[in-house]
């Protein structure tokens, strides 16, 4: 069961539309879905909402500490409500996935993501769940900082929004901890429409055998 849903990003209007704020976008979508307001909670260093899913309380959190101090907010709320790392899901931007893809995983390294790095340190564990929202990679490591702090072009923005919508559809399964049911909803994009098979007349002649090479 997931009790705490976290979205990572940077506070302030200058960062609101940048790739690094994809985690914030997902939490915004969930807050709308649950019809709950995200309100400032100074004690938790973030914007917080409490919702109810199938009779269970869940918390939504957007740390307002800036990305590299996200763990301070996450760990403070988790300790207060006695939420274990395994009961936390963190939505974040993912360089290793193209825009439009999203993956669910538990545990693992932080892959250089400053928000995840601080959450690892503050929780003392890497066993929380991650919702990895693809934003693509600029192709050069030296360009990563500028890439994540820029607004994506329209086609990529649409892809990220579609991924966010898909992951939001699995929210009740995520809250219940039914990751087996949530995963195919989250990971599966709508497949291209298959072409109809070509009809061959029943009296058509057999095709000639090709000459052996």
N, C-alpha and C. Protein backbone atom coordinates (compact mmCIF):
# COMPACT_ATOMS: atom_id res chain seq x y z
N UNK A 1 0.85 -1.20 0.00
CA UNK A 1 0.00 0.00 0.00
C UNK A 1 0.89 1.25 0.00
N UNK A 2 0.56 2.20 -0.88
CA UNK A 2 1.29 3.47 -0.92
C UNK A 2 0.50 4.52 -0.16
N UNK A 3 1.15 5.13 0.82
CA UNK A 3 0.49 6.14 1.65
C UNK A 3 0.92 7.56 1.30
N UNK A 4 2.12 7.70 0.75
CA UNK A 4 2.66 9.03 0.44
C UNK A 4 3.09 9.07 -1.03
N UNK A 5 2.50 10.00 -1.77
CA UNK A 5 2.84 10.22 -3.18
C UNK A 5 3.55 11.56 -3.28
N UNK A 6 4.76 11.53 -3.80
CA UNK A 6 5.60 12.72 -3.89
C UNK A 6 5.84 13.04 -5.36
N UNK A 7 5.78 14.31 -5.70
CA UNK A 7 6.19 14.77 -7.03
C UNK A 7 7.36 15.71 -6.88
N UNK A 8 8.41 15.50 -7.66
CA UNK A 8 9.60 16.34 -7.55
C UNK A 8 9.59 17.46 -8.58
N UNK A 9 10.15 18.60 -8.16
CA UNK A 9 10.25 19.76 -9.03
C UNK A 9 10.91 20.89 -8.28
N UNK A 10 10.94 22.05 -8.92
CA UNK A 10 11.45 23.26 -8.29
C UNK A 10 10.32 24.26 -8.12
N UNK A 11 10.24 24.95 -6.98
CA UNK A 11 9.16 25.91 -6.77
C UNK A 11 9.39 27.19 -7.56
N UNK A 12 8.32 27.91 -7.81
CA UNK A 12 8.42 29.21 -8.47
C UNK A 12 7.97 29.17 -9.92
N UNK A 13 7.36 30.27 -10.39
CA UNK A 13 6.81 30.31 -11.75
C UNK A 13 7.86 30.14 -12.84
N UNK A 14 9.11 30.53 -12.58
CA UNK A 14 10.15 30.42 -13.61
C UNK A 14 10.50 28.97 -13.93
N UNK A 15 10.16 28.05 -13.02
CA UNK A 15 10.46 26.62 -13.24
C UNK A 15 9.22 25.80 -13.59
N UNK A 16 8.05 26.40 -13.50
CA UNK A 16 6.80 25.63 -13.55
C UNK A 16 6.66 24.78 -14.81
N UNK A 17 7.12 25.28 -15.96
CA UNK A 17 6.92 24.58 -17.23
C UNK A 17 8.15 23.82 -17.69
N UNK A 18 9.19 23.72 -16.83
CA UNK A 18 10.43 23.06 -17.24
C UNK A 18 10.35 21.55 -17.04
N UNK A 19 11.19 20.83 -17.79
CA UNK A 19 11.17 19.36 -17.76
C UNK A 19 11.38 18.81 -16.35
N UNK A 20 12.20 19.48 -15.55
CA UNK A 20 12.53 19.00 -14.20
C UNK A 20 11.31 18.95 -13.29
N UNK A 21 10.21 19.60 -13.71
CA UNK A 21 9.01 19.67 -12.88
C UNK A 21 7.96 18.64 -13.26
N UNK A 22 8.33 17.63 -14.03
CA UNK A 22 7.36 16.62 -14.45
C UNK A 22 6.69 15.94 -13.26
N UNK A 23 7.43 15.74 -12.17
CA UNK A 23 6.85 15.12 -10.98
C UNK A 23 5.77 15.99 -10.36
N UNK A 24 5.99 17.32 -10.35
CA UNK A 24 4.96 18.25 -9.88
C UNK A 24 3.70 18.12 -10.74
N UNK A 25 3.89 18.02 -12.07
CA UNK A 25 2.74 17.95 -12.97
C UNK A 25 1.87 16.74 -12.65
N UNK A 26 2.53 15.61 -12.32
CA UNK A 26 1.76 14.40 -12.03
C UNK A 26 0.95 14.56 -10.73
N UNK A 27 1.58 15.15 -9.71
CA UNK A 27 0.87 15.37 -8.45
C UNK A 27 -0.29 16.35 -8.65
N UNK A 28 -0.09 17.37 -9.49
CA UNK A 28 -1.19 18.29 -9.80
C UNK A 28 -2.36 17.52 -10.40
N UNK A 29 -2.07 16.59 -11.30
CA UNK A 29 -3.12 15.79 -11.94
C UNK A 29 -3.85 14.94 -10.91
N UNK A 30 -3.11 14.33 -9.98
CA UNK A 30 -3.73 13.48 -8.96
C UNK A 30 -4.59 14.33 -8.01
N UNK A 31 -4.10 15.52 -7.66
CA UNK A 31 -4.88 16.40 -6.78
C UNK A 31 -6.21 16.78 -7.44
N UNK A 32 -6.16 17.05 -8.75
CA UNK A 32 -7.42 17.34 -9.46
C UNK A 32 -8.33 16.12 -9.47
N UNK A 33 -7.72 14.97 -9.68
CA UNK A 33 -8.49 13.73 -9.75
C UNK A 33 -9.19 13.44 -8.42
N UNK A 34 -8.51 13.71 -7.32
CA UNK A 34 -9.08 13.47 -5.99
C UNK A 34 -9.88 14.66 -5.48
N UNK A 35 -9.82 15.77 -6.23
CA UNK A 35 -10.51 17.00 -5.84
C UNK A 35 -10.08 17.47 -4.45
N UNK A 36 -8.75 17.52 -4.26
CA UNK A 36 -8.19 18.00 -2.99
C UNK A 36 -7.19 19.12 -3.30
N UNK A 37 -7.15 20.16 -2.45
CA UNK A 37 -6.21 21.26 -2.69
C UNK A 37 -4.83 20.98 -2.10
N UNK A 38 -3.79 21.38 -2.81
CA UNK A 38 -2.44 21.33 -2.27
C UNK A 38 -2.19 22.66 -1.55
N UNK A 39 -1.89 22.57 -0.26
CA UNK A 39 -1.73 23.79 0.54
C UNK A 39 -0.36 23.80 1.21
N UNK A 40 0.20 24.99 1.44
CA UNK A 40 1.53 25.07 2.07
C UNK A 40 1.50 24.54 3.50
N UNK A 41 2.45 23.70 3.83
CA UNK A 41 2.64 23.19 5.20
C UNK A 41 4.09 23.43 5.57
N UNK A 42 4.33 24.49 6.34
CA UNK A 42 5.71 24.88 6.66
C UNK A 42 6.45 23.78 7.39
N UNK A 43 5.73 23.05 8.25
CA UNK A 43 6.38 21.98 9.00
C UNK A 43 6.91 20.86 8.13
N UNK A 44 6.31 20.70 6.94
CA UNK A 44 6.73 19.65 6.01
C UNK A 44 7.49 20.21 4.81
N UNK A 45 7.74 21.53 4.81
CA UNK A 45 8.55 22.17 3.76
C UNK A 45 8.00 21.90 2.36
N UNK A 46 6.66 21.93 2.24
CA UNK A 46 6.10 21.64 0.93
C UNK A 46 4.62 21.94 0.85
N UNK A 47 4.07 21.66 -0.33
CA UNK A 47 2.63 21.72 -0.55
C UNK A 47 2.07 20.33 -0.30
N UNK A 48 1.03 20.25 0.51
CA UNK A 48 0.52 18.95 0.97
C UNK A 48 -0.99 18.88 0.77
N UNK A 49 -1.46 17.71 0.41
CA UNK A 49 -2.90 17.44 0.36
C UNK A 49 -3.14 16.07 0.95
N UNK A 50 -4.29 15.91 1.58
CA UNK A 50 -4.70 14.59 2.07
C UNK A 50 -5.95 14.17 1.32
N UNK A 51 -5.91 12.96 0.79
CA UNK A 51 -7.05 12.43 0.06
C UNK A 51 -7.49 11.10 0.64
N UNK A 52 -8.58 10.59 0.10
CA UNK A 52 -9.10 9.31 0.54
C UNK A 52 -9.34 8.43 -0.68
N UNK A 53 -8.77 7.25 -0.65
CA UNK A 53 -8.92 6.29 -1.74
C UNK A 53 -9.44 4.99 -1.16
N UNK A 54 -10.67 4.64 -1.51
CA UNK A 54 -11.27 3.40 -1.03
C UNK A 54 -11.19 3.27 0.49
N UNK A 55 -11.44 4.40 1.17
CA UNK A 55 -11.45 4.39 2.63
C UNK A 55 -10.08 4.52 3.29
N UNK A 56 -9.02 4.66 2.49
CA UNK A 56 -7.66 4.80 3.03
C UNK A 56 -7.15 6.21 2.80
N UNK A 57 -6.50 6.78 3.83
CA UNK A 57 -5.90 8.10 3.69
C UNK A 57 -4.61 8.01 2.89
N UNK A 58 -4.41 8.95 1.99
CA UNK A 58 -3.15 9.08 1.26
C UNK A 58 -2.73 10.54 1.31
N UNK A 59 -1.43 10.79 1.25
CA UNK A 59 -0.89 12.14 1.25
C UNK A 59 -0.22 12.42 -0.08
N UNK A 60 -0.42 13.63 -0.58
CA UNK A 60 0.27 14.12 -1.76
C UNK A 60 1.24 15.21 -1.31
N UNK A 61 2.43 15.22 -1.89
CA UNK A 61 3.46 16.17 -1.45
C UNK A 61 4.26 16.70 -2.64
N UNK A 62 4.40 18.01 -2.68
CA UNK A 62 5.33 18.68 -3.60
C UNK A 62 6.34 19.45 -2.75
N UNK A 63 7.55 18.93 -2.56
CA UNK A 63 8.55 19.65 -1.77
C UNK A 63 8.81 21.04 -2.36
N UNK A 64 8.94 22.02 -1.49
CA UNK A 64 9.21 23.40 -1.92
C UNK A 64 10.62 23.83 -1.50
N UNK A 65 11.50 22.87 -1.39
CA UNK A 65 12.87 23.11 -0.91
C UNK A 65 13.87 23.31 -2.02
N UNK A 66 13.46 23.25 -3.27
CA UNK A 66 14.30 23.09 -4.44
C UNK A 66 14.77 21.64 -4.50
N UNK A 67 15.05 21.23 -5.73
CA UNK A 67 15.23 19.81 -6.03
C UNK A 67 16.26 19.11 -5.15
N UNK A 68 17.43 19.73 -4.98
CA UNK A 68 18.51 19.01 -4.30
C UNK A 68 18.33 18.87 -2.80
N UNK A 69 17.23 19.43 -2.25
CA UNK A 69 16.92 19.25 -0.83
C UNK A 69 15.55 18.58 -0.64
N UNK A 70 15.06 17.89 -1.67
CA UNK A 70 13.73 17.27 -1.62
C UNK A 70 13.57 16.30 -0.46
N UNK A 71 14.63 15.60 -0.11
CA UNK A 71 14.56 14.59 0.94
C UNK A 71 14.16 15.15 2.29
N UNK A 72 14.51 16.41 2.55
CA UNK A 72 14.15 17.04 3.83
C UNK A 72 12.63 17.05 4.00
N UNK A 73 11.92 17.41 2.94
CA UNK A 73 10.46 17.46 2.98
C UNK A 73 9.86 16.06 3.08
N UNK A 74 10.35 15.16 2.23
CA UNK A 74 9.82 13.79 2.19
C UNK A 74 10.01 13.09 3.53
N UNK A 75 11.22 13.16 4.07
CA UNK A 75 11.53 12.45 5.31
C UNK A 75 10.77 13.03 6.50
N UNK A 76 10.59 14.35 6.53
CA UNK A 76 9.88 14.98 7.65
C UNK A 76 8.43 14.50 7.70
N UNK A 77 7.76 14.50 6.54
CA UNK A 77 6.36 14.05 6.52
C UNK A 77 6.27 12.55 6.81
N UNK A 78 7.17 11.78 6.22
CA UNK A 78 7.14 10.32 6.42
C UNK A 78 7.34 9.96 7.88
N UNK A 79 8.27 10.62 8.55
CA UNK A 79 8.50 10.33 9.97
C UNK A 79 7.29 10.72 10.81
N UNK A 80 6.69 11.86 10.50
CA UNK A 80 5.56 12.35 11.30
C UNK A 80 4.39 11.37 11.23
N UNK A 81 4.10 10.84 10.04
CA UNK A 81 2.97 9.94 9.87
C UNK A 81 3.37 8.46 9.91
N UNK A 82 4.63 8.21 10.27
CA UNK A 82 5.13 6.83 10.41
C UNK A 82 4.92 6.02 9.11
N UNK A 83 5.36 6.61 8.01
CA UNK A 83 5.25 5.99 6.69
C UNK A 83 6.61 5.41 6.32
N UNK A 84 6.63 4.12 6.02
CA UNK A 84 7.87 3.42 5.68
C UNK A 84 8.29 3.75 4.25
N UNK A 85 9.60 3.63 3.92
CA UNK A 85 10.04 3.88 2.54
C UNK A 85 9.26 3.07 1.50
N UNK A 86 8.91 1.83 1.83
CA UNK A 86 8.19 0.97 0.89
C UNK A 86 6.76 1.45 0.63
N UNK A 87 6.29 2.42 1.46
CA UNK A 87 4.94 2.97 1.33
C UNK A 87 4.96 4.35 0.67
N UNK A 88 6.09 4.70 0.04
CA UNK A 88 6.27 6.00 -0.60
C UNK A 88 6.48 5.79 -2.10
N UNK A 89 5.83 6.62 -2.91
CA UNK A 89 6.08 6.63 -4.35
C UNK A 89 6.51 8.05 -4.74
N UNK A 90 7.61 8.14 -5.47
CA UNK A 90 8.16 9.42 -5.90
C UNK A 90 8.06 9.51 -7.42
N UNK A 91 7.35 10.51 -7.93
CA UNK A 91 7.26 10.76 -9.37
C UNK A 91 8.33 11.79 -9.74
N UNK A 92 9.12 11.47 -10.76
CA UNK A 92 10.22 12.37 -11.13
C UNK A 92 10.51 12.30 -12.62
N UNK A 93 11.18 13.31 -13.12
CA UNK A 93 11.62 13.34 -14.51
C UNK A 93 12.74 12.31 -14.71
N UNK A 94 12.75 11.65 -15.87
CA UNK A 94 13.71 10.57 -16.13
C UNK A 94 14.39 10.80 -17.49
N UNK A 95 15.68 11.08 -17.45
CA UNK A 95 16.46 11.32 -18.66
C UNK A 95 16.59 10.08 -19.54
N UNK A 96 16.58 8.90 -18.92
CA UNK A 96 16.85 7.66 -19.66
C UNK A 96 15.62 7.12 -20.39
N UNK A 97 14.50 7.82 -20.34
CA UNK A 97 13.30 7.42 -21.08
C UNK A 97 12.88 8.57 -21.99
N UNK A 98 12.44 8.27 -23.21
CA UNK A 98 11.97 9.33 -24.10
C UNK A 98 10.67 9.94 -23.60
N UNK A 99 10.43 11.18 -23.99
CA UNK A 99 9.17 11.84 -23.63
C UNK A 99 8.00 11.01 -24.13
N UNK A 100 7.05 10.75 -23.24
CA UNK A 100 5.90 9.93 -23.58
C UNK A 100 5.94 8.55 -22.96
N UNK A 101 7.12 8.14 -22.48
CA UNK A 101 7.23 6.85 -21.79
C UNK A 101 7.25 7.07 -20.29
N UNK A 102 6.75 6.10 -19.55
CA UNK A 102 6.76 6.16 -18.09
C UNK A 102 6.92 4.74 -17.57
N UNK A 103 7.73 4.59 -16.53
CA UNK A 103 7.99 3.28 -15.96
C UNK A 103 7.86 3.33 -14.44
N UNK A 104 7.42 2.22 -13.87
CA UNK A 104 7.30 2.06 -12.42
C UNK A 104 8.37 1.11 -11.94
N UNK A 105 9.06 1.47 -10.87
CA UNK A 105 10.06 0.56 -10.30
C UNK A 105 10.20 0.83 -8.81
N UNK A 106 10.78 -0.15 -8.12
CA UNK A 106 11.07 0.02 -6.70
C UNK A 106 12.57 -0.13 -6.49
N UNK A 107 13.13 0.74 -5.68
CA UNK A 107 14.53 0.62 -5.32
C UNK A 107 15.47 0.99 -6.45
N UNK A 108 16.76 0.73 -6.22
CA UNK A 108 17.77 1.05 -7.22
C UNK A 108 18.49 2.34 -6.89
N UNK A 109 19.40 2.73 -7.78
CA UNK A 109 20.20 3.92 -7.56
C UNK A 109 19.46 5.19 -7.92
N UNK A 110 20.16 6.32 -7.73
CA UNK A 110 19.53 7.61 -8.05
C UNK A 110 19.92 8.11 -9.43
N UNK A 111 20.89 7.46 -10.09
CA UNK A 111 21.30 7.79 -11.47
C UNK A 111 21.65 9.26 -11.64
N UNK A 112 22.19 9.87 -10.58
CA UNK A 112 22.60 11.26 -10.66
C UNK A 112 21.49 12.27 -10.49
N UNK A 113 20.26 11.81 -10.23
CA UNK A 113 19.13 12.74 -10.04
C UNK A 113 19.25 13.34 -8.63
N UNK A 114 19.40 14.66 -8.56
CA UNK A 114 19.66 15.31 -7.27
C UNK A 114 18.52 15.15 -6.27
N UNK A 115 17.28 15.13 -6.77
CA UNK A 115 16.16 14.94 -5.86
C UNK A 115 16.17 13.56 -5.24
N UNK A 116 16.38 12.54 -6.08
CA UNK A 116 16.44 11.17 -5.57
C UNK A 116 17.64 10.98 -4.65
N UNK A 117 18.76 11.59 -5.00
CA UNK A 117 19.96 11.46 -4.16
C UNK A 117 19.68 11.92 -2.74
N UNK A 118 19.00 13.06 -2.59
CA UNK A 118 18.72 13.59 -1.25
C UNK A 118 17.67 12.76 -0.53
N UNK A 119 16.70 12.22 -1.27
CA UNK A 119 15.70 11.35 -0.64
C UNK A 119 16.38 10.08 -0.12
N UNK A 120 17.27 9.50 -0.93
CA UNK A 120 18.06 8.35 -0.46
C UNK A 120 18.70 8.67 0.88
N UNK A 121 19.40 9.83 0.94
CA UNK A 121 20.16 10.19 2.13
C UNK A 121 19.26 10.45 3.33
N UNK A 122 18.16 11.15 3.12
CA UNK A 122 17.30 11.53 4.24
C UNK A 122 16.46 10.36 4.77
N UNK A 123 16.04 9.48 3.87
CA UNK A 123 15.27 8.30 4.32
C UNK A 123 16.19 7.20 4.83
N UNK A 124 17.44 7.22 4.38
CA UNK A 124 18.35 6.14 4.73
C UNK A 124 17.98 4.85 4.04
N UNK A 125 17.29 4.95 2.90
CA UNK A 125 16.82 3.78 2.18
C UNK A 125 16.57 4.15 0.72
N UNK A 126 16.73 3.17 -0.16
CA UNK A 126 16.39 3.38 -1.58
C UNK A 126 15.17 2.56 -1.97
N UNK A 127 14.48 1.98 -0.98
CA UNK A 127 13.41 1.03 -1.28
C UNK A 127 12.03 1.65 -1.51
N UNK A 128 12.00 2.97 -1.72
CA UNK A 128 10.74 3.59 -2.09
C UNK A 128 10.47 3.33 -3.58
N UNK A 129 9.23 3.52 -3.99
CA UNK A 129 8.83 3.31 -5.38
C UNK A 129 9.08 4.59 -6.18
N UNK A 130 9.34 4.41 -7.48
CA UNK A 130 9.56 5.56 -8.36
C UNK A 130 8.65 5.46 -9.58
N UNK A 131 8.06 6.59 -9.94
CA UNK A 131 7.33 6.73 -11.18
C UNK A 131 8.22 7.58 -12.08
N UNK A 132 8.84 6.94 -13.06
CA UNK A 132 9.87 7.58 -13.88
C UNK A 132 9.22 8.15 -15.15
N UNK A 133 9.07 9.45 -15.19
CA UNK A 133 8.41 10.14 -16.29
C UNK A 133 9.46 10.58 -17.31
N UNK A 134 9.45 9.95 -18.48
CA UNK A 134 10.47 10.22 -19.47
C UNK A 134 10.46 11.65 -19.99
N UNK A 135 11.64 12.26 -20.07
CA UNK A 135 11.79 13.60 -20.66
C UNK A 135 12.84 13.59 -21.77
N UNK A 136 13.42 12.42 -22.06
CA UNK A 136 14.46 12.34 -23.08
C UNK A 136 15.80 12.86 -22.58
N UNK A 137 16.82 12.72 -23.41
CA UNK A 137 18.19 13.10 -23.06
C UNK A 137 18.74 13.99 -24.17
N UNK A 138 19.48 15.04 -23.81
CA UNK A 138 20.01 15.93 -24.86
C UNK A 138 21.10 15.28 -25.72
N UNK A 139 21.64 14.14 -25.26
CA UNK A 139 22.67 13.45 -26.02
C UNK A 139 24.08 13.74 -25.56
N UNK A 140 24.23 14.79 -24.78
CA UNK A 140 25.54 15.17 -24.26
C UNK A 140 25.40 15.46 -22.77
N UNK A 141 26.22 14.80 -21.97
CA UNK A 141 26.11 14.94 -20.52
C UNK A 141 26.26 16.39 -20.06
N UNK A 142 27.09 17.14 -20.76
CA UNK A 142 27.34 18.53 -20.36
C UNK A 142 26.12 19.42 -20.58
N UNK A 143 25.15 18.95 -21.36
CA UNK A 143 23.96 19.75 -21.64
C UNK A 143 22.76 19.41 -20.76
N UNK A 144 22.94 18.45 -19.84
CA UNK A 144 21.81 17.95 -19.05
C UNK A 144 21.18 19.04 -18.19
N UNK A 145 21.99 19.85 -17.52
CA UNK A 145 21.44 20.87 -16.62
C UNK A 145 20.55 21.84 -17.39
N UNK A 146 21.04 22.32 -18.51
CA UNK A 146 20.23 23.22 -19.32
C UNK A 146 18.98 22.55 -19.86
N UNK A 147 19.10 21.27 -20.19
CA UNK A 147 17.98 20.50 -20.75
C UNK A 147 16.83 20.39 -19.76
N UNK A 148 17.14 19.97 -18.53
CA UNK A 148 16.06 19.74 -17.56
C UNK A 148 15.42 21.04 -17.10
N UNK A 149 16.14 22.15 -17.20
CA UNK A 149 15.62 23.43 -16.74
C UNK A 149 15.02 24.25 -17.89
N UNK A 150 14.74 23.60 -19.02
CA UNK A 150 14.07 24.27 -20.13
C UNK A 150 12.70 23.65 -20.37
N UNK A 151 11.86 24.42 -21.01
CA UNK A 151 10.53 23.94 -21.38
C UNK A 151 10.66 23.02 -22.60
N UNK A 152 9.98 21.87 -22.59
CA UNK A 152 10.05 20.99 -23.76
C UNK A 152 9.26 21.55 -24.92
N UNK A 153 9.62 21.20 -26.17
CA UNK A 153 8.80 21.61 -27.31
C UNK A 153 7.44 20.93 -27.26
N UNK A 154 6.51 21.42 -28.05
CA UNK A 154 5.11 21.00 -27.95
C UNK A 154 4.94 19.50 -28.10
N UNK A 155 5.62 18.87 -29.07
CA UNK A 155 5.41 17.43 -29.27
C UNK A 155 5.86 16.63 -28.06
N UNK A 156 6.97 17.04 -27.44
CA UNK A 156 7.44 16.35 -26.23
C UNK A 156 6.50 16.63 -25.05
N UNK A 157 6.03 17.86 -24.95
CA UNK A 157 5.09 18.21 -23.87
C UNK A 157 3.84 17.35 -23.95
N UNK A 158 3.32 17.17 -25.17
CA UNK A 158 2.14 16.34 -25.35
C UNK A 158 2.44 14.90 -24.92
N UNK A 159 3.62 14.39 -25.28
CA UNK A 159 4.00 13.03 -24.89
C UNK A 159 4.06 12.86 -23.38
N UNK A 160 4.67 13.84 -22.69
CA UNK A 160 4.76 13.77 -21.23
C UNK A 160 3.37 13.83 -20.61
N UNK A 161 2.52 14.71 -21.13
CA UNK A 161 1.16 14.82 -20.59
C UNK A 161 0.37 13.53 -20.79
N UNK A 162 0.56 12.86 -21.92
CA UNK A 162 -0.11 11.58 -22.15
C UNK A 162 0.38 10.53 -21.16
N UNK A 163 1.69 10.54 -20.88
CA UNK A 163 2.24 9.59 -19.91
C UNK A 163 1.69 9.87 -18.52
N UNK A 164 1.57 11.15 -18.16
CA UNK A 164 1.01 11.53 -16.86
C UNK A 164 -0.44 11.06 -16.75
N UNK A 165 -1.21 11.27 -17.81
CA UNK A 165 -2.61 10.82 -17.79
C UNK A 165 -2.70 9.30 -17.62
N UNK A 166 -1.82 8.58 -18.32
CA UNK A 166 -1.84 7.11 -18.25
C UNK A 166 -1.51 6.65 -16.83
N UNK A 167 -0.49 7.25 -16.24
CA UNK A 167 -0.10 6.87 -14.88
C UNK A 167 -1.17 7.25 -13.86
N UNK A 168 -1.88 8.35 -14.12
CA UNK A 168 -2.94 8.78 -13.20
C UNK A 168 -4.10 7.78 -13.20
N UNK A 169 -4.32 7.12 -14.32
CA UNK A 169 -5.41 6.14 -14.39
C UNK A 169 -5.15 4.94 -13.48
N UNK A 170 -3.90 4.73 -13.10
CA UNK A 170 -3.55 3.60 -12.24
C UNK A 170 -3.46 4.01 -10.77
N UNK A 171 -3.94 5.20 -10.43
CA UNK A 171 -3.72 5.70 -9.08
C UNK A 171 -4.35 4.81 -8.01
N UNK A 172 -5.57 4.35 -8.23
CA UNK A 172 -6.22 3.52 -7.20
C UNK A 172 -5.45 2.22 -7.00
N UNK A 173 -4.91 1.65 -8.08
CA UNK A 173 -4.10 0.42 -7.95
C UNK A 173 -2.80 0.72 -7.20
N UNK A 174 -2.19 1.87 -7.51
CA UNK A 174 -0.96 2.24 -6.80
C UNK A 174 -1.23 2.43 -5.31
N UNK A 175 -2.31 3.12 -4.98
CA UNK A 175 -2.64 3.38 -3.58
C UNK A 175 -2.89 2.07 -2.83
N UNK A 176 -3.47 1.09 -3.53
CA UNK A 176 -3.74 -0.21 -2.91
C UNK A 176 -2.49 -1.07 -2.83
N UNK A 177 -1.41 -0.64 -3.48
CA UNK A 177 -0.19 -1.45 -3.50
C UNK A 177 -0.26 -2.60 -4.48
N UNK A 178 -1.22 -2.55 -5.40
CA UNK A 178 -1.36 -3.62 -6.40
C UNK A 178 -0.53 -3.24 -7.62
N UNK A 179 0.79 -3.38 -7.49
CA UNK A 179 1.69 -2.96 -8.56
C UNK A 179 1.57 -3.85 -9.79
N UNK A 180 1.18 -5.09 -9.60
CA UNK A 180 0.99 -5.99 -10.74
C UNK A 180 -0.13 -5.49 -11.64
N UNK A 181 -1.18 -4.93 -11.04
CA UNK A 181 -2.28 -4.38 -11.83
C UNK A 181 -1.95 -2.99 -12.37
N UNK A 182 -1.18 -2.22 -11.61
CA UNK A 182 -0.85 -0.86 -12.03
C UNK A 182 0.13 -0.84 -13.20
N UNK A 183 1.08 -1.77 -13.20
CA UNK A 183 2.16 -1.73 -14.18
C UNK A 183 1.70 -1.75 -15.63
N UNK A 184 0.82 -2.66 -16.06
CA UNK A 184 0.43 -2.64 -17.47
C UNK A 184 -0.35 -1.39 -17.87
N UNK A 185 -1.06 -0.78 -16.94
CA UNK A 185 -1.77 0.47 -17.23
C UNK A 185 -0.75 1.58 -17.49
N UNK A 186 0.26 1.62 -16.63
CA UNK A 186 1.27 2.69 -16.70
C UNK A 186 2.21 2.50 -17.88
N UNK A 187 2.67 1.28 -18.09
CA UNK A 187 3.70 1.03 -19.09
C UNK A 187 3.17 0.95 -20.51
N UNK A 188 1.90 0.67 -20.69
CA UNK A 188 1.38 0.38 -22.02
C UNK A 188 0.77 1.61 -22.65
N UNK A 189 1.38 2.08 -23.72
CA UNK A 189 0.78 3.13 -24.52
C UNK A 189 -0.21 2.49 -25.48
N UNK A 190 -1.10 3.30 -26.05
CA UNK A 190 -2.06 2.77 -27.00
C UNK A 190 -1.31 2.29 -28.24
N UNK A 191 -1.44 1.01 -28.60
CA UNK A 191 -0.67 0.49 -29.73
C UNK A 191 -1.21 1.04 -31.04
N UNK A 192 -0.37 1.09 -32.09
CA UNK A 192 -0.88 1.55 -33.38
C UNK A 192 -1.95 0.60 -33.90
N UNK A 193 -2.89 1.16 -34.63
CA UNK A 193 -3.97 0.34 -35.16
C UNK A 193 -3.41 -0.65 -36.18
N UNK A 194 -3.66 -1.95 -35.99
CA UNK A 194 -3.09 -2.93 -36.93
C UNK A 194 -3.72 -2.83 -38.31
N UNK A 195 -2.92 -3.12 -39.32
CA UNK A 195 -3.44 -3.13 -40.69
C UNK A 195 -4.28 -4.38 -40.89
N UNK A 196 -5.39 -4.26 -41.61
CA UNK A 196 -6.20 -5.47 -41.86
C UNK A 196 -5.44 -6.44 -42.75
N UNK A 197 -5.61 -7.75 -42.53
CA UNK A 197 -4.89 -8.71 -43.37
C UNK A 197 -5.35 -8.63 -44.82
N UNK A 198 -4.42 -8.82 -45.73
CA UNK A 198 -4.75 -8.77 -47.16
C UNK A 198 -5.50 -10.03 -47.55
N UNK A 199 -6.64 -9.84 -48.18
CA UNK A 199 -7.45 -10.99 -48.57
C UNK A 199 -6.90 -11.61 -49.86
N UNK A 200 -6.77 -12.91 -49.84
CA UNK A 200 -6.30 -13.64 -51.03
C UNK A 200 -7.46 -14.48 -51.55
N UNK A 201 -7.85 -14.33 -52.81
CA UNK A 201 -8.96 -15.15 -53.34
C UNK A 201 -8.67 -16.63 -53.20
N UNK A 202 -9.71 -17.39 -52.88
CA UNK A 202 -9.52 -18.83 -52.67
C UNK A 202 -9.03 -19.55 -53.91
N UNK A 203 -9.33 -18.98 -55.10
CA UNK A 203 -8.90 -19.66 -56.33
C UNK A 203 -7.61 -19.07 -56.89
N UNK A 204 -6.94 -18.25 -56.08
CA UNK A 204 -5.69 -17.66 -56.56
C UNK A 204 -4.64 -18.74 -56.69
N UNK A 205 -3.77 -18.65 -57.73
CA UNK A 205 -2.72 -19.65 -57.91
C UNK A 205 -1.67 -19.55 -56.83
N UNK A 206 -1.03 -20.65 -56.52
CA UNK A 206 0.04 -20.67 -55.54
C UNK A 206 1.19 -19.80 -56.06
N UNK A 207 1.83 -19.01 -55.20
CA UNK A 207 2.96 -18.22 -55.66
C UNK A 207 4.13 -19.14 -56.04
N UNK A 208 4.91 -18.76 -57.05
CA UNK A 208 6.04 -19.60 -57.46
C UNK A 208 7.10 -19.66 -56.38
N UNK A 209 7.77 -20.79 -56.28
CA UNK A 209 8.86 -20.93 -55.32
C UNK A 209 10.06 -20.13 -55.80
N UNK A 210 10.72 -19.45 -54.86
CA UNK A 210 11.90 -18.69 -55.22
C UNK A 210 13.06 -19.65 -55.48
N UNK A 211 13.93 -19.24 -56.40
CA UNK A 211 15.12 -20.05 -56.68
C UNK A 211 16.02 -20.03 -55.46
N UNK A 212 16.62 -21.18 -55.17
CA UNK A 212 17.55 -21.26 -54.04
C UNK A 212 18.77 -20.42 -54.36
N UNK A 213 19.32 -19.77 -53.36
CA UNK A 213 20.52 -18.95 -53.59
C UNK A 213 21.72 -19.79 -53.96
